Amino acid sequence: MGTVPKSTKADIKFFFGLSAQRIVIAIIVGFGSFSICQEAISSIPLQIIMSLAMVALSLVLSGKSPSNPKITFAKGLIFFVMNLIEPKKYYGTEAEEYRLHKEREAEKNEKKKKQDY
């Protein structure tokens, strides 16, 4: 007899590889998008098409990220967009960081030369 683990890392799959969390998210998004479409769009077939599109989008966004399977696709997309938005630091020979690095490196070299003599 072996020991029984307290928890497993695998999600419980119901059908078509969909977990309970993804199904609940799809249902909530489906009801929400249908109610929003009822107010904004008067055509019933268009309301249904938009609701199905939102449910499909929610299923895609709640799936695993292709680059990092530990996070959802939506979270990975948020990280990607935040990386595009945040200001970049460009390092080069004219940058202040480069000048400070060279000064520190020169001081270390001077200390080494003093210790060698």
C-alpha atoms as a PDB file:
ATOM      1  CA  MET A   1       0.000   0.000   0.000  1.00  0.00           C
ATOM      2  CA  GLY A   2       1.217   3.478  -0.823  1.00  0.00           C
ATOM      3  CA  THR A   3       0.491   6.841   0.663  1.00  0.00           C
ATOM      4  CA  VAL A   4      -2.351   8.931  -0.667  1.00  0.00           C
ATOM      5  CA  PRO A   5      -1.329  12.476  -1.673  1.00  0.00           C
ATOM      6  CA  LYS A   6      -3.224  15.334  -0.032  1.00  0.00           C
ATOM      7  CA  SER A   7      -3.720  17.078  -3.352  1.00  0.00           C
ATOM      8  CA  THR A   8      -2.882  16.588  -6.988  1.00  0.00           C
ATOM      9  CA  LYS A   9      -1.577  19.130  -9.422  1.00  0.00           C
ATOM     10  CA  ALA A  10      -3.771  17.945 -12.290  1.00  0.00           C
ATOM     11  CA  ASP A  11      -7.049  19.725 -13.002  1.00  0.00           C
ATOM     12  CA  ILE A  12     -10.225  17.677 -13.011  1.00  0.00           C
ATOM     13  CA  LYS A  13     -11.408  17.367 -16.614  1.00  0.00           C
ATOM     14  CA  PHE A  14     -15.088  16.958 -17.432  1.00  0.00           C
ATOM     15  CA  PHE A  15     -15.442  16.724 -21.197  1.00  0.00           C
ATOM     16  CA  PHE A  16     -13.373  17.780 -24.210  1.00  0.00           C
ATOM     17  CA  GLY A  17     -10.493  18.476 -21.805  1.00  0.00           C
ATOM     18  CA  LEU A  18     -12.346  21.363 -20.122  1.00  0.00           C
ATOM     19  CA  SER A  19     -11.865  21.846 -16.395  1.00  0.00           C
ATOM     20  CA  ALA A  20     -14.563  23.031 -13.996  1.00  0.00           C
ATOM     21  CA  GLN A  21     -12.959  26.468 -13.700  1.00  0.00           C
ATOM     22  CA  ARG A  22     -12.987  27.006 -17.464  1.00  0.00           C
ATOM     23  CA  ILE A  23     -16.617  25.862 -17.729  1.00  0.00           C
ATOM     24  CA  VAL A  24     -17.735  28.230 -14.945  1.00  0.00           C
ATOM     25  CA  ILE A  25     -15.841  31.139 -16.509  1.00  0.00           C
ATOM     26  CA  ALA A  26     -17.420  30.386 -19.902  1.00  0.00           C
ATOM     27  CA  ILE A  27     -20.929  30.264 -18.399  1.00  0.00           C
ATOM     28  CA  ILE A  28     -20.463  33.558 -16.531  1.00  0.00           C
ATOM     29  CA  VAL A  29     -19.017  35.277 -19.597  1.00  0.00           C
ATOM     30  CA  GLY A  30     -21.778  33.807 -21.748  1.00  0.00           C
ATOM     31  CA  PHE A  31     -24.572  35.132 -19.543  1.00  0.00           C
ATOM     32  CA  GLY A  32     -22.838  38.483 -19.142  1.00  0.00           C
ATOM     33  CA  SER A  33     -22.180  38.950 -22.844  1.00  0.00           C
ATOM     34  CA  PHE A  34     -25.718  37.893 -23.760  1.00  0.00           C
ATOM     35  CA  SER A  35     -27.215  40.423 -21.352  1.00  0.00           C
ATOM     36  CA  ILE A  36     -24.947  43.164 -22.697  1.00  0.00           C
ATOM     37  CA  CYS A  37     -25.783  42.215 -26.287  1.00  0.00           C
ATOM     38  CA  GLN A  38     -29.520  42.382 -25.492  1.00  0.00           C
ATOM     39  CA  GLU A  39     -29.141  46.041 -24.586  1.00  0.00           C
ATOM     40  CA  ALA A  40     -26.810  47.014 -27.425  1.00  0.00           C
ATOM     41  CA  ILE A  41     -27.998  44.887 -30.380  1.00  0.00           C
ATOM     42  CA  SER A  42     -31.604  44.452 -31.470  1.00  0.00           C
ATOM     43  CA  SER A  43     -31.086  41.460 -33.798  1.00  0.00           C
ATOM     44  CA  ILE A  44     -31.444  38.124 -31.952  1.00  0.00           C
ATOM     45  CA  PRO A  45     -29.209  36.065 -34.285  1.00  0.00           C
ATOM     46  CA  LEU A  46     -26.468  38.677 -33.933  1.00  0.00           C
ATOM     47  CA  GLN A  47     -26.870  38.563 -30.132  1.00  0.00           C
ATOM     48  CA  ILE A  48     -26.391  34.797 -30.151  1.00  0.00           C
ATOM     49  CA  ILE A  49     -23.376  35.005 -32.472  1.00  0.00           C
ATOM     50  CA  MET A  50     -21.733  37.666 -30.284  1.00  0.00           C
ATOM     51  CA  SER A  51     -22.413  35.629 -27.130  1.00  0.00           C
ATOM     52  CA  LEU A  52     -20.905  32.493 -28.672  1.00  0.00           C
ATOM     53  CA  ALA A  53     -17.876  34.503 -29.790  1.00  0.00           C
ATOM     54  CA  MET A  54     -17.420  35.818 -26.236  1.00  0.00           C
ATOM     55  CA  VAL A  55     -17.697  32.303 -24.788  1.00  0.00           C
ATOM     56  CA  ALA A  56     -15.098  31.033 -27.276  1.00  0.00           C
ATOM     57  CA  LEU A  57     -12.827  33.962 -26.401  1.00  0.00           C
ATOM     58  CA  SER A  58     -13.216  33.262 -22.684  1.00  0.00           C
ATOM     59  CA  LEU A  59     -12.319  29.591 -23.239  1.00  0.00           C
ATOM     60  CA  VAL A  60      -9.186  30.597 -25.144  1.00  0.00           C
ATOM     61  CA  LEU A  61      -8.158  33.160 -22.526  1.00  0.00           C
ATOM     62  CA  SER A  62      -8.750  30.779 -19.623  1.00  0.00           C
ATOM     63  CA  GLY A  63      -6.578  28.079 -21.220  1.00  0.00           C
ATOM     64  CA  LYS A  64      -2.912  27.446 -20.510  1.00  0.00           C
ATOM     65  CA  SER A  65      -0.312  29.791 -21.913  1.00  0.00           C
ATOM     66  CA  PRO A  66       1.824  28.193 -24.656  1.00  0.00           C
ATOM     67  CA  SER A  67       5.050  29.705 -23.325  1.00  0.00           C
ATOM     68  CA  ASN A  68       4.387  29.052 -19.612  1.00  0.00           C
ATOM     69  CA  PRO A  69       1.820  26.324 -18.853  1.00  0.00           C
ATOM     70  CA  LYS A  70       1.653  27.323 -15.168  1.00  0.00           C
ATOM     71  CA  ILE A  71      -0.273  30.516 -15.947  1.00  0.00           C
ATOM     72  CA  THR A  72      -3.388  31.193 -17.988  1.00  0.00           C
ATOM     73  CA  PHE A  73      -3.292  32.649 -21.468  1.00  0.00           C
ATOM     74  CA  ALA A  74      -5.001  35.832 -20.250  1.00  0.00           C
ATOM     75  CA  LYS A  75      -2.354  36.391 -17.564  1.00  0.00           C
ATOM     76  CA  GLY A  76       0.420  35.799 -20.092  1.00  0.00           C
ATOM     77  CA  LEU A  77      -1.250  38.269 -22.446  1.00  0.00           C
ATOM     78  CA  ILE A  78      -1.429  40.857 -19.653  1.00  0.00           C
ATOM     79  CA  PHE A  79       2.274  40.346 -18.916  1.00  0.00           C
ATOM     80  CA  PHE A  80       3.055  40.794 -22.627  1.00  0.00           C
ATOM     81  CA  VAL A  81       1.056  44.013 -22.907  1.00  0.00           C
ATOM     82  CA  MET A  82       2.596  45.398 -19.706  1.00  0.00           C
ATOM     83  CA  ASN A  83       6.048  44.615 -21.091  1.00  0.00           C
ATOM     84  CA  LEU A  84       5.201  46.589 -24.236  1.00  0.00           C
ATOM     85  CA  ILE A  85       3.840  49.552 -22.249  1.00  0.00           C
ATOM     86  CA  GLU A  86       6.512  49.928 -19.571  1.00  0.00           C
ATOM     87  CA  PRO A  87       9.399  52.272 -20.385  1.00  0.00           C
ATOM     88  CA  LYS A  88      12.526  50.518 -21.578  1.00  0.00           C
ATOM     89  CA  LYS A  89      15.999  51.241 -20.332  1.00  0.00           C
ATOM     90  CA  TYR A  90      18.469  51.333 -23.156  1.00  0.00           C
ATOM     91  CA  TYR A  91      22.034  50.795 -22.120  1.00  0.00           C
ATOM     92  CA  GLY A  92      24.840  52.023 -24.316  1.00  0.00           C
ATOM     93  CA  THR A  93      28.103  53.860 -24.171  1.00  0.00           C
ATOM     94  CA  GLU A  94      26.326  57.226 -23.742  1.00  0.00           C
ATOM     95  CA  ALA A  95      24.045  56.087 -20.888  1.00  0.00           C
ATOM     96  CA  GLU A  96      24.569  57.157 -17.281  1.00  0.00           C
ATOM     97  CA  GLU A  97      24.543  53.542 -16.086  1.00  0.00           C
ATOM     98  CA  TYR A  98      27.373  52.654 -18.445  1.00  0.00           C
ATOM     99  CA  ARG A  99      29.475  55.588 -17.204  1.00  0.00           C
ATOM    100  CA  LEU A 100      28.910  54.620 -13.547  1.00  0.00           C
ATOM    101  CA  HIS A 101      29.756  51.003 -14.311  1.00  0.00           C
ATOM    102  CA  LYS A 102      33.024  52.011 -15.966  1.00  0.00           C
ATOM    103  CA  GLU A 103      33.931  54.267 -13.015  1.00  0.00           C
ATOM    104  CA  ARG A 104      33.296  51.442 -10.523  1.00  0.00           C
ATOM    105  CA  GLU A 105      35.302  49.073 -12.682  1.00  0.00           C
ATOM    106  CA  ALA A 106      38.204  51.554 -12.816  1.00  0.00           C
ATOM    107  CA  GLU A 107      38.119  51.946  -8.994  1.00  0.00           C
ATOM    108  CA  LYS A 108      38.232  48.157  -8.560  1.00  0.00           C
ATOM    109  CA  ASN A 109      41.183  47.921 -10.924  1.00  0.00           C
ATOM    110  CA  GLU A 110      43.039  50.655  -9.005  1.00  0.00           C
ATOM    111  CA  LYS A 111      42.463  48.819  -5.717  1.00  0.00           C
ATOM    112  CA  LYS A 112      43.789  45.602  -7.247  1.00  0.00           C
ATOM    113  CA  LYS A 113      46.901  47.390  -8.526  1.00  0.00           C
ATOM    114  CA  LYS A 114      47.538  48.866  -5.051  1.00  0.00           C
ATOM    115  CA  GLN A 115      47.165  45.443  -3.448  1.00  0.00           C
ATOM    116  CA  ASP A 116      49.588  43.861  -5.947  1.00  0.00           C
ATOM    117  CA  TYR A 117      52.401  46.305  -5.124  1.00  0.00           C
END
